[in-house]
Amino acid sequence: MSASTVSYGSAAPVASGSGLPLVDLRSDTVTRPTAAMREVIANAAVGDDVFGDDPSVNALQDRIAGLLGFEAALFMPSGTSSNLCALLAHCGRGDEYLVGQLAHTYRYEGGGGAVLGGIQPQPITQQPDGTLDLAEVEAAIKPDDAHFARTRLLALENTWNGRVLPADYLARATALARRRGLAAHLDGARLFNAAVASGVPVGAIAAGFDSVSVCFSKGLGAPAGSALCGSREFIARAHRIRKLTGGGMRQVGLLAAAALHALDHHVERLADDHVLARRLADGLAALPGISVTPPQTNIVFAQVEGGRGPALLAHLQSRGVMATGLIGLRFVTHLDVDAAGIDRAVAAAGEFLSS
């Protein structure tokens, strides 16, 4: 089955020829607005956000800033835009940020800080749990010498590959940043997944950071949008950068209303995604020739013996199940996947691996 044989519409996408709903486990970004969210979007109060008078955007910004414990927030088109504006607001040309070797801000966002801001990333190898060795972080901070870029920022990510960074680690990391005169930024694209999985409120996870980015378009199920939170002064700088990078939007209250609906109705249900991820992991782990990393949230990673991963992906697709193979095999649960879909995925994988 190719992408052209998958039919998308207002209803659930259907795998061609099977009559069964497509089980799309590529990412939690593939979610479609629920009927209730579509109604909220249709009835949203809107204005011109570039002029600052979109009431839905302003309400969302106040809401998310309050939830995370910051003075202000700024609605962004995407997580990449939010992280980029954070990097450019914290750092100037010739500055440096410390970041994980496999962090999204370093590896998967086009090198925007370097390309557009002249900011040097200093990648540090991540531990299996997504943390950075803080001794290595401290050793990477450059001395005040003309030979070196100026180290200004420590950037972390939570969750990382679906893993929740421990609260005590975050406290030690942000304390190190403060002690060494660095700002600290958190890429919290799946921050609410981390909060639900750990039982730690989002505000407590964000404590200690100077800025936090959070996505509404992943597990929360909004069609688009992220928010960047920080002090009023920081957000004012980020606002200028959002404008010059083309991120200023007009009647974007349509999207902000969807995000507000998601905050009201889609946070606690993230636990359902985590349960389904464990169901998928357990089912795959029982099959021959595949090893599975036990998930903490909604992302399952697996490795197939004998280099058969691409062939398994192709077989799954032929059965109406989609996943990705960027880092081994990755399956992501979300609000458009149910237990029946998970069981279909496991059955399809079993059909292949037992052959």
Protein backbone atom coordinates (compact mmCIF):
# COMPACT_ATOMS: atom_id res chain seq x y z
CA MET A 1 0.00 0.00 0.00
CA SER A 2 1.44 3.38 -0.97
CA ALA A 3 0.55 6.74 0.49
CA SER A 4 -1.64 7.34 -2.56
CA THR A 5 -3.87 4.43 -1.55
CA VAL A 6 -4.75 5.94 1.80
CA SER A 7 -7.94 7.99 1.80
CA TYR A 8 -8.18 10.96 4.17
CA GLY A 9 -11.24 13.02 4.90
CA SER A 10 -13.27 14.34 7.79
CA ALA A 11 -13.82 10.75 8.95
CA ALA A 12 -11.06 8.39 10.04
CA PRO A 13 -8.63 7.54 7.20
CA VAL A 14 -9.23 4.14 5.67
CA ALA A 15 -6.66 1.70 4.32
CA SER A 16 -7.41 1.11 0.66
CA GLY A 17 -8.98 -2.24 -0.18
CA SER A 18 -9.51 -3.36 3.39
CA GLY A 19 -12.42 -1.23 4.54
CA LEU A 20 -10.65 -1.03 7.90
CA PRO A 21 -9.52 2.24 9.51
CA LEU A 22 -5.87 3.04 8.95
CA VAL A 23 -3.79 2.50 12.09
CA ASP A 24 -1.42 5.45 11.81
CA LEU A 25 1.35 5.10 14.39
CA ARG A 26 3.88 7.34 12.64
CA SER A 27 3.48 10.18 15.13
CA ASP A 28 1.02 11.86 17.46
CA THR A 29 1.13 14.79 15.03
CA VAL A 30 -1.24 12.92 12.69
CA THR A 31 -4.25 13.40 14.97
CA ARG A 32 -7.33 15.02 13.47
CA PRO A 33 -9.52 17.51 15.34
CA THR A 34 -12.38 15.81 17.14
CA ALA A 35 -15.95 16.80 16.32
CA ALA A 36 -16.10 18.85 19.52
CA MET A 37 -12.85 20.61 18.63
CA ARG A 38 -14.11 21.39 15.12
CA GLU A 39 -17.19 23.01 16.64
CA VAL A 40 -15.01 25.12 18.93
CA ILE A 41 -12.86 26.17 15.96
CA ALA A 42 -15.94 27.14 13.94
CA ASN A 43 -17.26 29.32 16.75
CA ALA A 44 -13.94 30.83 17.91
CA ALA A 45 -13.74 34.54 18.70
CA VAL A 46 -10.94 35.97 16.56
CA GLY A 47 -9.06 39.18 15.94
CA ASP A 48 -5.73 40.14 14.39
CA ASP A 49 -2.99 38.58 16.48
CA VAL A 50 -0.24 40.64 14.85
CA PHE A 51 -1.99 43.65 16.40
CA GLY A 52 -2.38 41.66 19.62
CA ASP A 53 -6.17 41.77 19.64
CA ASP A 54 -7.17 38.16 19.02
CA PRO A 55 -9.10 37.27 22.19
CA SER A 56 -8.67 33.51 21.80
CA VAL A 57 -4.91 33.82 21.38
CA ASN A 58 -4.65 36.15 24.35
CA ALA A 59 -6.68 33.76 26.48
CA LEU A 60 -4.49 30.83 25.45
CA GLN A 61 -1.29 32.73 26.16
CA ASP A 62 -2.51 33.71 29.62
CA ARG A 63 -3.67 30.15 30.29
CA ILE A 64 -0.48 28.35 29.30
CA ALA A 65 1.77 30.89 31.01
CA GLY A 66 -0.20 30.41 34.22
CA LEU A 67 -0.11 26.61 33.97
CA LEU A 68 3.66 26.58 33.52
CA GLY A 69 4.36 29.31 36.07
CA PHE A 70 5.65 32.07 33.78
CA GLU A 71 4.82 35.74 33.37
CA ALA A 72 3.97 35.53 29.69
CA ALA A 73 3.61 33.28 26.66
CA LEU A 74 3.60 33.63 22.89
CA PHE A 75 1.56 31.51 20.47
CA MET A 76 3.76 30.00 17.74
CA PRO A 77 2.99 28.25 14.45
CA SER A 78 5.07 25.19 15.37
CA GLY A 79 7.45 23.68 17.88
CA THR A 80 10.38 24.35 15.56
CA SER A 81 9.40 28.01 15.39
CA SER A 82 9.02 28.15 19.16
CA ASN A 83 12.43 26.60 19.82
CA LEU A 84 14.08 28.78 17.18
CA CYS A 85 12.67 31.97 18.68
CA ALA A 86 13.85 30.80 22.10
CA LEU A 87 17.40 30.19 20.85
CA LEU A 88 17.54 33.57 19.11
CA ALA A 89 16.09 35.37 22.13
CA HIS A 90 18.58 33.80 24.53
CA CYS A 91 21.69 33.93 22.33
CA GLY A 92 23.38 36.36 19.95
CA ARG A 93 25.79 35.82 17.07
CA GLY A 94 28.92 34.12 18.31
CA ASP A 95 27.14 32.62 21.30
CA GLU A 96 26.74 28.92 21.99
CA TYR A 97 24.11 26.60 23.43
CA LEU A 98 24.73 23.22 25.03
CA VAL A 99 22.35 20.53 23.81
CA GLY A 100 21.94 16.77 23.51
CA GLN A 101 23.44 15.08 20.47
CA LEU A 102 20.01 13.60 19.64
CA ALA A 103 17.89 16.51 20.88
CA HIS A 104 15.21 17.80 18.55
CA THR A 105 16.52 21.38 18.69
CA TYR A 106 19.92 20.19 17.45
CA ARG A 107 19.19 17.27 15.15
CA TYR A 108 15.74 17.76 13.66
CA GLU A 109 15.13 21.50 13.26
CA GLY A 110 17.28 22.30 10.25
CA GLY A 111 20.11 23.91 12.22
CA GLY A 112 18.00 27.07 12.47
CA GLY A 113 19.93 28.61 15.36
CA ALA A 114 23.18 28.35 13.42
CA VAL A 115 21.73 29.24 10.02
CA LEU A 116 19.64 32.23 11.09
CA GLY A 117 21.26 33.34 14.32
CA GLY A 118 24.96 32.55 14.04
CA ILE A 119 24.58 30.48 17.23
CA GLN A 120 26.96 27.56 17.70
CA PRO A 121 25.46 24.35 19.07
CA GLN A 122 27.70 22.29 21.35
CA PRO A 123 26.20 18.79 21.25
CA ILE A 124 26.74 16.46 24.21
CA THR A 125 26.13 12.72 24.09
CA GLN A 126 22.88 11.78 25.77
CA GLN A 127 22.54 8.97 28.28
CA PRO A 128 20.03 6.18 27.47
CA ASP A 129 17.42 7.94 29.63
CA GLY A 130 17.79 11.21 27.71
CA THR A 131 19.76 13.05 30.39
CA LEU A 132 23.08 14.76 29.83
CA ASP A 133 25.97 13.95 32.15
CA LEU A 134 26.17 17.19 34.14
CA ALA A 135 29.92 16.83 34.58
CA GLU A 136 30.19 16.80 30.79
CA VAL A 137 27.85 19.78 30.58
CA GLU A 138 29.99 21.77 32.98
CA ALA A 139 33.20 20.76 31.21
CA ALA A 140 31.71 21.98 27.90
CA ILE A 141 31.14 25.51 29.17
CA LYS A 142 33.76 27.67 27.48
CA PRO A 143 36.08 30.04 29.37
CA ASP A 144 35.77 33.78 28.82
CA ASP A 145 38.39 33.88 26.09
CA ALA A 146 38.35 35.31 22.57
CA HIS A 147 39.19 31.88 21.16
CA PHE A 148 35.83 30.47 22.14
CA ALA A 149 32.16 31.03 21.47
CA ARG A 150 30.33 32.45 24.48
CA THR A 151 28.36 29.70 26.23
CA ARG A 152 24.96 31.20 27.02
CA LEU A 153 22.31 28.50 27.18
CA LEU A 154 21.58 24.93 28.26
CA ALA A 155 18.77 23.34 26.22
CA LEU A 156 17.04 20.16 27.44
CA GLU A 157 14.11 18.11 26.13
CA ASN A 158 11.29 16.44 28.10
CA THR A 159 10.05 13.94 27.09
CA TRP A 160 12.99 12.72 25.02
CA ASN A 161 12.13 9.80 22.72
CA GLY A 162 9.15 9.28 25.00
CA ARG A 163 11.26 9.08 28.16
CA VAL A 164 10.57 11.35 31.13
CA LEU A 165 13.55 13.24 32.54
CA PRO A 166 13.64 12.75 36.33
CA ALA A 167 12.57 15.73 38.44
CA ASP A 168 15.74 15.66 40.56
CA TYR A 169 17.86 15.71 37.41
CA LEU A 170 16.02 18.75 36.05
CA ALA A 171 16.56 20.55 39.36
CA ARG A 172 20.30 19.78 39.33
CA ALA A 173 20.65 20.75 35.66
CA THR A 174 18.92 24.10 36.02
CA ALA A 175 20.85 24.80 39.24
CA LEU A 176 24.09 24.16 37.34
CA ALA A 177 22.99 26.55 34.61
CA ARG A 178 22.22 29.29 37.15
CA ARG A 179 25.49 28.74 39.00
CA ARG A 180 27.47 29.09 35.77
CA GLY A 181 25.52 32.08 34.48
CA LEU A 182 23.62 30.23 31.74
CA ALA A 183 19.98 30.47 30.79
CA ALA A 184 18.02 27.20 30.58
CA HIS A 185 15.47 26.32 27.90
CA LEU A 186 13.18 23.28 27.88
CA ASP A 187 11.85 21.83 24.67
CA GLY A 188 8.65 20.49 26.21
CA ALA A 189 6.95 19.43 22.98
CA ARG A 190 5.41 16.52 24.94
CA LEU A 191 5.52 18.19 28.34
CA PHE A 192 1.98 17.11 29.21
CA ASN A 193 2.88 13.49 28.48
CA ALA A 194 5.75 13.84 30.94
CA ALA A 195 3.43 15.34 33.56
CA VAL A 196 0.74 12.67 33.19
CA ALA A 197 3.27 9.82 33.22
CA SER A 198 5.21 11.10 36.25
CA GLY A 199 2.35 12.61 38.23
CA VAL A 200 4.35 15.85 38.47
CA PRO A 201 2.44 19.03 37.48
CA VAL A 202 3.64 20.82 34.37
CA GLY A 203 4.49 23.89 36.43
CA ALA A 204 6.79 21.86 38.66
CA ILE A 205 8.54 20.35 35.62
CA ALA A 206 9.00 23.84 34.14
CA ALA A 207 10.33 25.32 37.39
CA GLY A 208 13.94 26.42 37.11
CA PHE A 209 13.83 27.01 33.37
CA ASP A 210 13.99 30.47 31.85
CA SER A 211 11.84 29.41 28.92
CA VAL A 212 9.71 26.45 27.92
CA SER A 213 8.23 25.47 24.58
CA VAL A 214 5.14 23.25 24.53
CA CYS A 215 3.23 21.78 21.56
CA PHE A 216 -0.54 21.57 21.20
CA SER A 217 -0.42 19.59 17.94
CA LYS A 218 1.00 16.30 19.26
CA GLY A 219 -0.71 14.29 21.98
CA LEU A 220 -3.07 17.13 22.83
CA GLY A 221 -4.58 16.76 19.37
CA ALA A 222 -4.88 20.36 18.14
CA PRO A 223 -4.34 20.83 14.39
CA ALA A 224 -1.35 23.16 14.80
CA GLY A 225 0.44 25.46 17.19
CA SER A 226 2.86 25.69 20.08
CA ALA A 227 3.56 28.18 22.82
CA LEU A 228 6.77 29.69 24.15
CA CYS A 229 6.71 30.73 27.80
CA GLY A 230 9.06 32.99 29.73
CA SER A 231 9.41 36.34 31.43
CA ARG A 232 7.69 39.38 29.93
CA GLU A 233 11.06 40.75 28.80
CA PHE A 234 12.03 37.45 27.19
CA ILE A 235 8.68 37.08 25.41
CA ALA A 236 8.97 40.65 24.10
CA ARG A 237 12.29 39.68 22.48
CA ALA A 238 10.79 36.46 21.16
CA HIS A 239 7.84 38.41 19.73
CA ARG A 240 10.16 40.50 17.56
CA ILE A 241 11.95 37.36 16.41
CA ARG A 242 8.68 35.62 15.61
CA LYS A 243 7.82 38.53 13.35
CA LEU A 244 11.13 38.63 11.49
CA THR A 245 11.09 34.85 10.95
CA GLY A 246 7.62 35.03 9.41
CA GLY A 247 5.70 33.59 12.33
CA GLY A 248 3.23 36.43 12.78
CA MET A 249 -0.29 35.23 11.96
CA ARG A 250 -3.63 37.00 11.76
CA GLN A 251 -6.96 35.39 12.79
CA VAL A 252 -5.11 32.55 14.47
CA GLY A 253 -7.68 32.41 17.25
CA LEU A 254 -9.17 29.52 15.25
CA LEU A 255 -6.11 27.48 16.25
CA ALA A 256 -5.83 28.97 19.72
CA ALA A 257 -9.41 27.94 20.46
CA ALA A 258 -8.52 24.38 19.47
CA ALA A 259 -5.54 24.47 21.83
CA LEU A 260 -7.71 25.76 24.68
CA HIS A 261 -10.17 22.95 24.04
CA ALA A 262 -7.28 20.47 24.12
CA LEU A 263 -6.10 21.82 27.48
CA ASP A 264 -9.62 21.38 28.84
CA HIS A 265 -10.36 17.94 27.43
CA HIS A 266 -7.25 16.13 26.16
CA VAL A 267 -4.68 16.24 28.96
CA GLU A 268 -5.87 13.54 31.35
CA ARG A 269 -6.67 11.21 28.45
CA LEU A 270 -2.94 11.09 27.57
CA ALA A 271 -2.83 8.28 30.13
CA ASP A 272 -4.89 6.23 27.66
CA ASP A 273 -2.16 6.66 25.04
CA HIS A 274 0.44 5.47 27.53
CA VAL A 275 -1.61 2.38 28.31
CA LEU A 276 -1.94 1.60 24.59
CA ALA A 277 1.81 2.06 24.11
CA ARG A 278 2.45 -0.55 26.80
CA ARG A 279 -0.12 -2.85 25.18
CA LEU A 280 1.71 -2.49 21.87
CA ALA A 281 5.14 -2.98 23.46
CA ASP A 282 4.01 -6.10 25.31
CA GLY A 283 2.45 -7.55 22.17
CA LEU A 284 5.53 -6.91 20.03
CA ALA A 285 7.93 -8.17 22.71
CA ALA A 286 6.15 -11.54 22.68
CA LEU A 287 6.96 -12.02 18.98
CA PRO A 288 10.11 -13.72 17.64
CA GLY A 289 12.98 -11.70 16.20
CA ILE A 290 12.14 -8.32 17.67
CA SER A 291 13.35 -6.46 20.75
CA VAL A 292 11.33 -3.65 22.32
CA THR A 293 12.27 -0.81 24.63
CA PRO A 294 9.60 -0.59 27.36
CA PRO A 295 7.82 2.76 26.91
CA GLN A 296 7.29 5.36 29.62
CA THR A 297 4.78 7.43 27.67
CA ASN A 298 3.32 7.09 24.16
CA ILE A 299 6.37 6.16 22.06
CA VAL A 300 7.52 2.59 21.43
CA PHE A 301 10.91 1.77 19.89
CA ALA A 302 11.78 -1.65 18.51
CA GLN A 303 14.66 -3.33 16.70
CA VAL A 304 14.17 -6.21 14.27
CA GLU A 305 16.82 -8.88 13.92
CA GLY A 306 18.60 -9.48 10.64
CA GLY A 307 18.05 -6.00 9.22
CA ARG A 308 14.40 -6.83 8.49
CA GLY A 309 13.03 -3.55 9.85
CA PRO A 310 12.30 -1.95 6.45
CA ALA A 311 10.59 -5.11 5.25
CA LEU A 312 8.45 -5.20 8.38
CA LEU A 313 7.44 -1.57 7.84
CA ALA A 314 6.42 -2.40 4.26
CA HIS A 315 4.41 -5.39 5.45
CA LEU A 316 2.66 -3.35 8.13
CA GLN A 317 1.77 -0.73 5.54
CA SER A 318 0.29 -3.41 3.31
CA ARG A 319 -1.98 -4.30 6.24
CA GLY A 320 -3.05 -0.73 6.88
CA VAL A 321 -0.64 -0.04 9.74
CA MET A 322 1.88 2.80 9.47
CA ALA A 323 5.02 3.41 11.53
CA THR A 324 8.43 5.01 10.94
CA GLY A 325 11.95 3.65 10.73
CA LEU A 326 14.07 6.72 11.39
CA ILE A 327 15.59 5.39 14.64
CA GLY A 328 14.95 1.66 14.54
CA LEU A 329 11.19 1.23 14.38
CA ARG A 330 9.04 3.85 16.09
CA PHE A 331 5.35 3.58 16.95
CA VAL A 332 3.48 6.48 18.55
CA THR A 333 0.04 6.17 20.14
CA HIS A 334 -2.46 9.03 20.18
CA LEU A 335 -6.16 9.87 20.43
CA ASP A 336 -6.94 8.47 16.96
CA VAL A 337 -5.68 4.98 17.90
CA ASP A 338 -7.66 2.49 19.96
CA ALA A 339 -7.03 -0.97 21.41
CA ALA A 340 -8.40 -2.66 18.29
CA GLY A 341 -5.88 -0.78 16.18
CA ILE A 342 -3.04 -1.76 18.48
CA ASP A 343 -4.08 -5.40 18.28
CA ARG A 344 -4.18 -5.17 14.48
CA ALA A 345 -0.65 -3.78 14.50
CA VAL A 346 0.62 -6.60 16.70
CA ALA A 347 -1.15 -9.21 14.59
CA ALA A 348 0.32 -7.79 11.39
CA ALA A 349 3.81 -7.75 12.90
CA GLY A 350 3.33 -11.33 14.09
CA GLU A 351 2.26 -12.43 10.63
CA PHE A 352 5.54 -11.10 9.23
CA LEU A 353 7.91 -12.18 12.00
CA SER A 354 6.52 -15.70 12.16
CA SER A 355 6.95 -16.26 8.43
